[in-house]
Amino acid sequence: MKRPYQITGTVVVFFSAFVAVESLSLKFYTSYGPGPGFFPFWISVFLGLLAANMVFRATFQPRDPMPDGFFASKKGYLRVGAILLALVATIVFMDELGFRPMMLLFYLFLLSALGRQNHLVTAAVALAGSWGVYYVFVELLKVPLPIGMFGI
């Protein structure tokens, strides 16, 4: 288990350094208080410290054995592939179909592919995640979302 922790920690350290550098191009502090660069900078600093700690511990502490089931089964990899394809399809068809129908289809697929829950719960979460989120963003927050060819 030493090598996966080292690789993951190193990638996260580089990612946090990138976010820290990019956040410095934003205002750190304004006359009203913390600016748009304040929180990304400090979150990236703490994330980098945690990731560096992860690399340090993986390198210098005794090695743990690889746990059983570390690698997924063939069925697990197929699920991951199906979810990634569903994400790509959602991105591709979002403008044509609109936010609400596309997210409804995505949530229904995602929850049925991953879950073992009741179909009523799946339908309720999918409706809340598509029509409910659309209402909050468009009506309350005034953020435009794609309408699509059906006008919904």
Protein backbone atom coordinates (compact mmCIF):
# COMPACT_ATOMS: atom_id res chain seq x y z
CA MET A 1 0.00 0.00 0.00
CA LYS A 2 2.99 2.28 0.05
CA ARG A 3 3.12 3.16 -3.66
CA PRO A 4 -0.58 4.17 -4.16
CA TYR A 5 -0.39 6.55 -1.18
CA GLN A 6 2.83 8.07 -2.47
CA ILE A 7 1.44 8.60 -5.96
CA THR A 8 -1.87 10.01 -4.72
CA GLY A 9 -0.19 12.31 -2.23
CA THR A 10 2.26 13.61 -4.82
CA VAL A 11 -0.53 14.32 -7.33
CA VAL A 12 -2.53 16.16 -4.65
CA VAL A 13 0.54 18.21 -3.61
CA PHE A 14 1.02 19.36 -7.21
CA PHE A 15 -2.69 20.07 -7.59
CA SER A 16 -2.76 22.13 -4.40
CA ALA A 17 0.33 24.06 -5.53
CA PHE A 18 -1.40 24.82 -8.82
CA VAL A 19 -4.54 26.04 -7.02
CA ALA A 20 -2.43 28.17 -4.65
CA VAL A 21 -0.57 29.83 -7.52
CA GLU A 22 -3.79 30.46 -9.44
CA SER A 23 -5.55 31.84 -6.37
CA LEU A 24 -2.78 34.42 -5.96
CA SER A 25 -3.92 36.03 -9.20
CA LEU A 26 -7.23 36.85 -7.47
CA LYS A 27 -7.70 39.55 -4.84
CA PHE A 28 -6.73 38.18 -1.45
CA TYR A 29 -8.54 40.80 0.59
CA THR A 30 -11.03 43.54 -0.28
CA SER A 31 -12.49 46.46 1.62
CA TYR A 32 -15.45 44.23 2.57
CA GLY A 33 -13.33 41.38 3.89
CA PRO A 34 -11.80 38.24 2.37
CA GLY A 35 -11.60 38.43 -1.40
CA PRO A 36 -12.13 35.69 -3.99
CA GLY A 37 -8.55 34.44 -3.60
CA PHE A 38 -8.59 34.11 0.19
CA PHE A 39 -10.36 30.79 0.66
CA PRO A 40 -8.88 28.97 -2.36
CA PHE A 41 -5.40 29.92 -1.20
CA TRP A 42 -5.81 28.69 2.36
CA ILE A 43 -7.69 25.55 1.35
CA SER A 44 -4.90 24.70 -1.09
CA VAL A 45 -2.28 25.31 1.62
CA PHE A 46 -4.02 22.96 4.06
CA LEU A 47 -4.65 20.40 1.32
CA GLY A 48 -0.97 20.51 0.35
CA LEU A 49 0.12 20.03 3.97
CA LEU A 50 -2.19 17.04 4.40
CA ALA A 51 -0.99 15.51 1.14
CA ALA A 52 2.66 16.06 2.09
CA ASN A 53 1.94 14.35 5.41
CA MET A 54 0.40 11.46 3.49
CA VAL A 55 3.51 11.08 1.32
CA PHE A 56 5.80 11.34 4.36
CA ARG A 57 3.88 8.71 6.31
CA ALA A 58 3.68 6.36 3.33
CA THR A 59 7.40 6.68 2.74
CA PHE A 60 8.78 6.41 6.27
CA GLN A 61 6.28 4.31 8.22
CA PRO A 62 6.10 0.51 8.09
CA ARG A 63 4.36 -0.84 5.04
CA ASP A 64 0.77 -2.06 5.41
CA PRO A 65 -0.28 -5.13 3.44
CA MET A 66 -2.59 -4.61 0.47
CA PRO A 67 -6.16 -5.15 1.76
CA ASP A 68 -8.40 -7.78 0.25
CA GLY A 69 -10.63 -6.30 -2.40
CA PHE A 70 -8.31 -3.35 -3.12
CA PHE A 71 -8.86 -3.86 -6.82
CA ALA A 72 -12.49 -3.95 -7.94
CA SER A 73 -14.10 -6.89 -9.66
CA LYS A 74 -14.94 -6.89 -13.35
CA LYS A 75 -18.47 -5.82 -12.46
CA GLY A 76 -17.11 -2.84 -10.51
CA TYR A 77 -14.98 -1.67 -13.41
CA LEU A 78 -17.97 -2.00 -15.75
CA ARG A 79 -20.01 0.18 -13.39
CA VAL A 80 -17.30 2.84 -13.34
CA GLY A 81 -17.11 2.76 -17.14
CA ALA A 82 -20.89 3.06 -17.44
CA ILE A 83 -20.93 6.03 -15.08
CA LEU A 84 -18.16 7.77 -17.03
CA LEU A 85 -20.07 7.19 -20.28
CA ALA A 86 -23.22 8.58 -18.66
CA LEU A 87 -21.29 11.69 -17.61
CA VAL A 88 -20.01 12.18 -21.15
CA ALA A 89 -23.51 11.66 -22.58
CA THR A 90 -24.90 14.19 -20.11
CA ILE A 91 -22.32 16.75 -21.18
CA VAL A 92 -22.92 16.11 -24.88
CA PHE A 93 -26.73 16.18 -24.82
CA MET A 94 -27.33 18.83 -22.14
CA ASP A 95 -27.83 21.71 -24.59
CA GLU A 96 -30.09 19.71 -26.93
CA LEU A 97 -32.35 18.11 -24.31
CA GLY A 98 -32.13 20.70 -21.56
CA PHE A 99 -31.07 20.54 -17.95
CA ARG A 100 -34.17 18.98 -16.40
CA PRO A 101 -34.72 15.98 -18.71
CA MET A 102 -31.02 15.22 -19.04
CA MET A 103 -30.39 15.35 -15.31
CA LEU A 104 -33.50 13.26 -14.66
CA LEU A 105 -32.17 10.56 -17.00
CA PHE A 106 -28.70 10.82 -15.51
CA TYR A 107 -29.92 10.51 -11.92
CA LEU A 108 -32.21 7.60 -12.77
CA PHE A 109 -29.34 5.78 -14.48
CA LEU A 110 -26.82 6.61 -11.78
CA LEU A 111 -29.01 5.59 -8.87
CA SER A 112 -30.14 2.37 -10.54
CA ALA A 113 -26.56 1.45 -11.52
CA LEU A 114 -25.13 2.10 -8.07
CA GLY A 115 -27.89 1.56 -5.61
CA ARG A 116 -29.97 -1.07 -3.99
CA GLN A 117 -32.61 1.36 -2.79
CA ASN A 118 -36.32 1.46 -3.34
CA HIS A 119 -37.53 2.58 -6.78
CA LEU A 120 -39.71 5.22 -5.13
CA VAL A 121 -36.65 6.73 -3.44
CA THR A 122 -34.76 6.66 -6.74
CA ALA A 123 -37.60 8.49 -8.50
CA ALA A 124 -37.92 11.07 -5.71
CA VAL A 125 -34.19 11.84 -5.65
CA ALA A 126 -34.07 12.05 -9.45
CA LEU A 127 -37.00 14.48 -9.55
CA ALA A 128 -35.57 16.61 -6.77
CA GLY A 129 -32.14 16.59 -8.41
CA SER A 130 -33.47 17.64 -11.79
CA TRP A 131 -36.60 19.77 -11.42
CA GLY A 132 -35.83 20.91 -7.86
CA VAL A 133 -32.28 22.01 -8.59
CA TYR A 134 -33.48 23.71 -11.78
CA TYR A 135 -36.06 25.68 -9.78
CA VAL A 136 -33.52 26.76 -7.17
CA PHE A 137 -30.93 27.89 -9.69
CA VAL A 138 -33.20 29.50 -12.29
CA GLU A 139 -36.00 30.96 -10.18
CA LEU A 140 -34.29 31.78 -6.89
CA LEU A 141 -30.64 32.37 -7.84
CA LYS A 142 -31.33 33.65 -11.38
CA VAL A 143 -28.66 31.41 -12.94
CA PRO A 144 -29.50 30.44 -16.53
CA LEU A 145 -29.53 26.72 -17.29
CA PRO A 146 -30.08 25.02 -20.67
CA ILE A 147 -33.74 24.75 -21.72
CA GLY A 148 -33.40 22.35 -24.66
CA MET A 149 -35.50 21.67 -27.73
CA PHE A 150 -38.60 20.61 -25.78
CA GLY A 151 -38.79 23.84 -23.80
CA ILE A 152 -38.47 22.05 -20.46
